[in-house]
Amino acid sequence: MIQELKTSYGHLFEDALINEIIQVGTYKEIPEGHKMMEIGDYVKSMPLLISGAIKIMREDSNGDELLLYYLEKGETCSMTMACCLGQQKSEIRAIAETDAKLIMVPVSKMEEWTKNYKSWRNFVFESYHNRINELLTTVDSIAFYKLDERLIQYLKEKARINNDHRIKNTHQEIAYDLHTSRVVISRLLKKLEQLGKIELHRNFIKIINL
């Protein structure tokens, strides 16, 4: 854990802060597909991701999901931090996109580190900035892009996150992430295949030329 923490965050945090994280943090290995946080849960700690990827989802009043953004190595979830500081219930769902390793930091340390470590303050502010930009990108894609354009961006991002040109999600899972129906997604995927941009296989989608 120590070496992985230093590799992922050593360039961001002072040695003293790294040592404190080692002392109070809880190391966890999360398998792909595991639900790490549910909407309505109270947040008692925040994650520092040291490998893998986590997708952050939102749910509407009908129970339909929408993918907001991904967390990757060296990042944390600003929405989790906001819930920690306000002692509020989570408004997001967090699911491991890939096998992931992370360190859970107690909420009680957040204000203390914000006061004592400039690097922690910078990290928190930068996290908020990055997440806001990603949320704006999500809003823009819904408001201004056609669904086929959103689907192409989704597939590209999936391939990048997983470092694999094979997308192993079902059509229904993609529909959940993009807040639409399976029928529509299947139709658009078939159109992309006819254009030679992807290949549809029984258990995966292969990206050819997106």
Protein backbone atom coordinates (compact mmCIF):
# COMPACT_ATOMS: atom_id res chain seq x y z
CA MET A 1 0.00 0.00 0.00
CA ILE A 2 2.75 2.45 0.96
CA GLN A 3 4.59 2.29 -2.36
CA GLU A 4 1.36 2.46 -4.37
CA LEU A 5 0.23 5.49 -2.37
CA LYS A 6 3.54 7.27 -2.96
CA THR A 7 3.44 6.43 -6.67
CA SER A 8 -0.08 7.80 -7.11
CA TYR A 9 0.03 10.78 -4.72
CA GLY A 10 3.68 11.41 -3.83
CA HIS A 11 3.93 14.18 -6.42
CA LEU A 12 0.88 15.89 -4.92
CA PHE A 13 1.29 15.59 -1.15
CA GLU A 14 4.01 16.43 1.36
CA ASP A 15 5.81 13.52 3.01
CA ALA A 16 4.16 14.37 6.34
CA LEU A 17 0.70 14.12 4.79
CA ILE A 18 1.58 10.85 3.06
CA ASN A 19 2.64 9.46 6.45
CA GLU A 20 -0.64 10.54 8.04
CA ILE A 21 -2.64 8.89 5.25
CA ILE A 22 -0.68 5.68 5.84
CA GLN A 23 -1.46 5.83 9.55
CA VAL A 24 -5.22 6.47 9.36
CA GLY A 25 -6.20 5.21 5.89
CA THR A 26 -7.85 1.86 5.20
CA TYR A 27 -6.58 -0.02 2.15
CA LYS A 28 -9.22 -1.77 0.02
CA GLU A 29 -9.25 -3.85 -3.15
CA ILE A 30 -12.55 -3.62 -5.00
CA PRO A 31 -13.57 -6.10 -7.74
CA GLU A 32 -15.03 -4.94 -11.05
CA GLY A 33 -18.78 -4.35 -10.82
CA HIS A 34 -18.84 -3.96 -7.03
CA LYS A 35 -21.19 -1.24 -5.75
CA MET A 36 -19.06 0.89 -3.43
CA MET A 37 -21.64 3.49 -2.50
CA GLU A 38 -25.41 3.69 -2.82
CA ILE A 39 -27.69 6.70 -3.01
CA GLY A 40 -28.91 7.48 0.50
CA ASP A 41 -25.86 6.08 2.30
CA TYR A 42 -24.15 8.24 4.90
CA VAL A 43 -20.57 8.99 3.88
CA LYS A 44 -18.04 8.30 6.63
CA SER A 45 -14.85 8.28 4.57
CA MET A 46 -13.58 9.43 1.19
CA PRO A 47 -11.62 7.41 -1.39
CA LEU A 48 -8.15 8.05 -2.74
CA LEU A 49 -7.90 5.93 -5.87
CA ILE A 50 -4.52 4.31 -6.47
CA SER A 51 -5.44 2.08 -9.41
CA GLY A 52 -8.43 1.17 -11.56
CA ALA A 53 -11.51 3.23 -12.33
CA ILE A 54 -14.84 3.96 -10.64
CA LYS A 55 -17.96 5.24 -12.39
CA ILE A 56 -20.19 7.75 -10.64
CA MET A 57 -23.91 7.49 -11.40
CA ARG A 58 -26.96 9.66 -10.71
CA GLU A 59 -30.56 8.45 -10.50
CA ASP A 60 -33.76 10.27 -11.42
CA SER A 61 -37.16 10.04 -9.74
CA ASN A 62 -38.10 7.07 -11.95
CA GLY A 63 -35.03 5.08 -10.94
CA ASP A 64 -33.25 5.57 -14.27
CA GLU A 65 -29.49 6.06 -14.11
CA LEU A 66 -27.14 8.49 -15.81
CA LEU A 67 -23.34 8.22 -15.94
CA LEU A 68 -21.80 11.44 -14.59
CA TYR A 69 -18.05 10.78 -14.75
CA TYR A 70 -15.23 8.35 -13.99
CA LEU A 71 -12.68 8.47 -11.18
CA GLU A 72 -9.16 7.34 -12.06
CA LYS A 73 -5.78 6.86 -10.42
CA GLY A 74 -4.70 9.85 -8.34
CA GLU A 75 -8.23 11.24 -7.99
CA THR A 76 -11.03 11.42 -5.45
CA CYS A 77 -14.75 12.11 -5.61
CA SER A 78 -15.62 15.73 -4.84
CA MET A 79 -19.30 14.82 -4.39
CA THR A 80 -18.22 12.40 -1.66
CA MET A 81 -16.17 15.17 -0.05
CA ALA A 82 -19.16 17.50 -0.08
CA CYS A 83 -21.30 14.86 1.65
CA CYS A 84 -18.53 14.25 4.20
CA LEU A 85 -18.22 17.91 5.11
CA GLY A 86 -21.97 18.43 5.31
CA GLN A 87 -22.63 15.09 7.03
CA GLN A 88 -25.26 14.42 4.40
CA LYS A 89 -26.49 11.30 2.65
CA SER A 90 -24.89 10.38 -0.66
CA GLU A 91 -26.66 11.58 -3.81
CA ILE A 92 -24.58 9.39 -6.12
CA ARG A 93 -23.96 5.70 -6.78
CA ALA A 94 -20.34 4.54 -7.14
CA ILE A 95 -19.54 1.30 -9.00
CA ALA A 96 -16.12 -0.16 -9.79
CA GLU A 97 -15.68 0.05 -13.56
CA THR A 98 -12.55 -2.12 -13.29
CA ASP A 99 -10.77 -3.89 -10.45
CA ALA A 100 -9.65 -1.02 -8.22
CA LYS A 101 -7.37 -0.32 -5.29
CA LEU A 102 -8.05 2.61 -3.00
CA ILE A 103 -7.42 4.08 0.42
CA MET A 104 -10.40 5.23 2.47
CA VAL A 105 -9.65 8.33 4.55
CA PRO A 106 -11.78 9.12 7.65
CA VAL A 107 -13.98 12.18 7.28
CA SER A 108 -12.68 13.48 10.62
CA LYS A 109 -9.31 14.19 9.00
CA MET A 110 -10.54 16.33 6.12
CA GLU A 111 -10.86 19.66 7.92
CA GLU A 112 -7.68 19.06 9.87
CA TRP A 113 -5.66 18.40 6.72
CA THR A 114 -7.25 21.36 4.94
CA LYS A 115 -5.94 23.55 7.74
CA ASN A 116 -2.50 21.93 8.06
CA TYR A 117 -1.46 21.05 4.50
CA LYS A 118 -1.42 23.36 1.51
CA SER A 119 -1.10 20.36 -0.83
CA TRP A 120 -4.33 18.88 0.54
CA ARG A 121 -6.19 22.18 0.06
CA ASN A 122 -4.92 22.37 -3.52
CA PHE A 123 -5.93 18.77 -4.12
CA VAL A 124 -9.46 19.35 -2.82
CA PHE A 125 -9.95 22.53 -4.88
CA GLU A 126 -8.53 20.87 -8.00
CA SER A 127 -10.84 17.89 -7.49
CA TYR A 128 -13.88 20.17 -7.30
CA HIS A 129 -12.71 22.03 -10.41
CA ASN A 130 -12.20 18.82 -12.41
CA ARG A 131 -15.51 17.29 -11.38
CA ILE A 132 -17.43 20.48 -12.21
CA ASN A 133 -15.85 20.53 -15.66
CA GLU A 134 -16.81 16.89 -16.19
CA LEU A 135 -20.37 17.54 -15.04
CA LEU A 136 -20.60 20.49 -17.45
CA THR A 137 -19.37 18.22 -20.23
CA THR A 138 -22.09 15.70 -19.34
CA VAL A 139 -24.75 18.43 -19.32
CA ASP A 140 -23.49 19.79 -22.66
CA SER A 141 -23.58 16.33 -24.24
CA ILE A 142 -27.19 15.80 -23.15
CA ALA A 143 -28.29 19.29 -24.17
CA PHE A 144 -26.41 19.78 -27.42
CA TYR A 145 -25.29 16.41 -28.82
CA LYS A 146 -27.34 13.80 -30.60
CA LEU A 147 -27.56 10.40 -28.95
CA ASP A 148 -25.39 8.77 -31.61
CA GLU A 149 -22.63 11.31 -30.86
CA ARG A 150 -22.97 10.65 -27.14
CA LEU A 151 -22.76 6.91 -27.78
CA ILE A 152 -19.54 7.30 -29.77
CA GLN A 153 -17.97 9.39 -26.99
CA TYR A 154 -19.16 6.84 -24.43
CA LEU A 155 -17.53 3.96 -26.31
CA LYS A 156 -14.28 5.88 -26.73
CA GLU A 157 -14.15 6.72 -23.04
CA LYS A 158 -14.94 3.13 -22.07
CA ALA A 159 -12.08 1.90 -24.24
CA ARG A 160 -9.68 4.46 -22.75
CA ILE A 161 -10.67 3.73 -19.14
CA ASN A 162 -10.36 -0.03 -19.57
CA ASN A 163 -7.39 0.15 -21.96
CA ASP A 164 -9.25 -2.29 -24.20
CA HIS A 165 -10.97 -1.85 -27.58
CA ARG A 166 -13.50 -4.49 -26.58
CA ILE A 167 -16.48 -3.06 -24.70
CA LYS A 168 -17.96 -5.86 -22.58
CA ASN A 169 -21.12 -4.06 -21.46
CA THR A 170 -24.51 -5.28 -22.64
CA HIS A 171 -26.75 -3.04 -24.72
CA GLN A 172 -28.99 -2.66 -21.68
CA GLU A 173 -26.08 -1.51 -19.48
CA ILE A 174 -25.07 1.07 -22.07
CA ALA A 175 -28.67 2.26 -22.23
CA TYR A 176 -28.70 2.70 -18.43
CA ASP A 177 -25.48 4.72 -18.54
CA LEU A 178 -26.78 7.00 -21.29
CA HIS A 179 -30.29 7.26 -19.83
CA THR A 180 -32.11 5.83 -22.83
CA SER A 181 -33.67 2.53 -23.95
CA ARG A 182 -31.99 -0.71 -24.99
CA VAL A 183 -33.88 -0.72 -28.31
CA VAL A 184 -32.47 2.69 -29.27
CA ILE A 185 -28.92 1.71 -28.28
CA SER A 186 -29.11 -1.56 -30.24
CA ARG A 187 -30.30 0.33 -33.31
CA LEU A 188 -27.48 2.89 -33.07
CA LEU A 189 -24.86 0.20 -32.49
CA LYS A 190 -26.10 -1.68 -35.56
CA LYS A 191 -25.81 1.52 -37.59
CA LEU A 192 -22.21 2.02 -36.36
CA GLU A 193 -21.43 -1.55 -37.36
CA GLN A 194 -22.84 -0.99 -40.86
CA LEU A 195 -20.56 2.06 -41.15
CA GLY A 196 -17.56 -0.10 -40.28
CA LYS A 197 -16.85 1.72 -37.03
CA ILE A 198 -17.48 -1.21 -34.66
CA GLU A 199 -18.05 -4.97 -34.71
CA LEU A 200 -20.89 -6.47 -32.67
CA HIS A 201 -20.12 -9.82 -31.05
CA ARG A 202 -22.16 -11.97 -28.72
CA ASN A 203 -20.42 -10.89 -25.52
CA PHE A 204 -18.63 -7.69 -26.50
CA ILE A 205 -18.41 -4.74 -28.87
CA LYS A 206 -15.12 -4.24 -30.70
CA ILE A 207 -14.11 -0.71 -31.68
CA ILE A 208 -12.67 -0.55 -35.20
CA ASN A 209 -12.56 3.10 -36.24
CA LEU A 210 -14.43 5.60 -34.06
